[in-house]
Protein backbone atom coordinates (compact mmCIF):
# COMPACT_ATOMS: atom_id res chain seq x y z
CA MET A 1 19.17 -10.42 34.18
CA THR A 2 18.95 -6.86 35.42
CA LEU A 3 15.16 -7.06 35.68
CA THR A 4 15.29 -10.19 37.84
CA THR A 5 17.92 -9.14 40.37
CA VAL A 6 16.64 -8.38 43.85
CA GLY A 7 19.50 -6.19 44.99
CA TYR A 8 23.06 -6.75 46.12
CA GLY A 9 22.37 -10.30 47.29
CA ASP A 10 22.22 -9.46 50.97
CA VAL A 11 18.43 -9.99 51.09
CA PHE A 12 16.87 -12.94 49.31
CA PRO A 13 13.93 -15.30 49.82
CA VAL A 14 14.72 -18.35 51.96
CA THR A 15 11.48 -20.34 52.10
CA GLY A 16 10.05 -22.31 49.20
CA ALA A 17 6.99 -20.06 49.07
CA GLY A 18 9.19 -16.96 49.03
CA LYS A 19 11.34 -18.33 46.22
CA PHE A 20 8.25 -19.27 44.22
CA LEU A 21 6.64 -15.87 44.75
CA GLY A 22 9.91 -14.14 43.83
CA SER A 23 10.12 -16.16 40.61
CA VAL A 24 6.53 -15.34 39.67
CA ILE A 25 7.09 -11.63 40.32
CA ALA A 26 10.32 -11.70 38.29
CA PHE A 27 8.54 -13.29 35.31
CA LEU A 28 5.71 -10.78 35.55
CA GLY A 29 8.23 -7.94 35.67
CA ILE A 30 9.93 -9.23 32.53
CA GLY A 31 6.54 -9.56 30.83
CA VAL A 32 5.69 -5.94 31.61
CA PHE A 33 8.73 -4.80 29.62
CA ALA A 34 9.29 -7.55 27.03
CA LEU A 35 5.78 -7.94 25.67
CA PRO A 36 5.11 -4.25 24.95
CA THR A 37 8.59 -3.88 23.46
CA GLY A 38 7.94 -6.72 21.00
CA ILE A 39 4.53 -5.35 20.07
CA LEU A 40 5.86 -1.83 19.53
CA GLY A 41 8.85 -3.12 17.55
CA ALA A 42 6.65 -5.18 15.24
CA GLY A 43 4.34 -2.20 14.71
CA LEU A 44 7.30 0.04 13.89
CA VAL A 45 8.67 -2.39 11.30
CA GLU A 46 5.21 -2.75 9.73
CA GLU A 47 4.79 1.02 9.52
CA LEU A 48 8.23 1.50 7.96
CA GLN A 49 7.50 -1.14 5.33
CA ALA A 50 4.13 0.48 4.55
CA ARG A 51 5.80 3.86 4.08
CA LYS A 52 8.40 2.36 1.73
CA THR A 53 5.66 0.80 -0.40
CA GLN A 54 3.66 4.03 -0.49
CA SER A 55 6.69 6.08 -1.45
CA GLY A 56 7.02 4.21 -4.77
CA LEU A 57 10.35 2.56 -3.88
CA CYS A 58 11.17 -1.14 -4.05
CA GLN A 59 11.12 -2.71 -0.58
CA HIS A 60 14.26 -4.72 -1.26
CA CYS A 61 16.63 -2.48 -3.20
CA GLY A 62 15.17 1.01 -2.77
CA LYS A 63 14.97 1.74 -6.51
CA PRO A 64 11.92 3.60 -7.87
CA LEU A 65 9.05 1.42 -9.07
CA ARG A 66 7.75 1.87 -12.62
């Protein structure tokens, strides 16, 4: 919600074209933050799992593998 607010509410689009353009810009703004965050988060989880496997510990319980 914070990314899609325009301000204090004193200035807002009135026309249909303005509302449409504001909606498109809000979605693009969310995409700029949400998409990279998901990609980086998935990469981080993958890297952490790879390090656990390489360290010789069980991925589920953390006990040493034989």
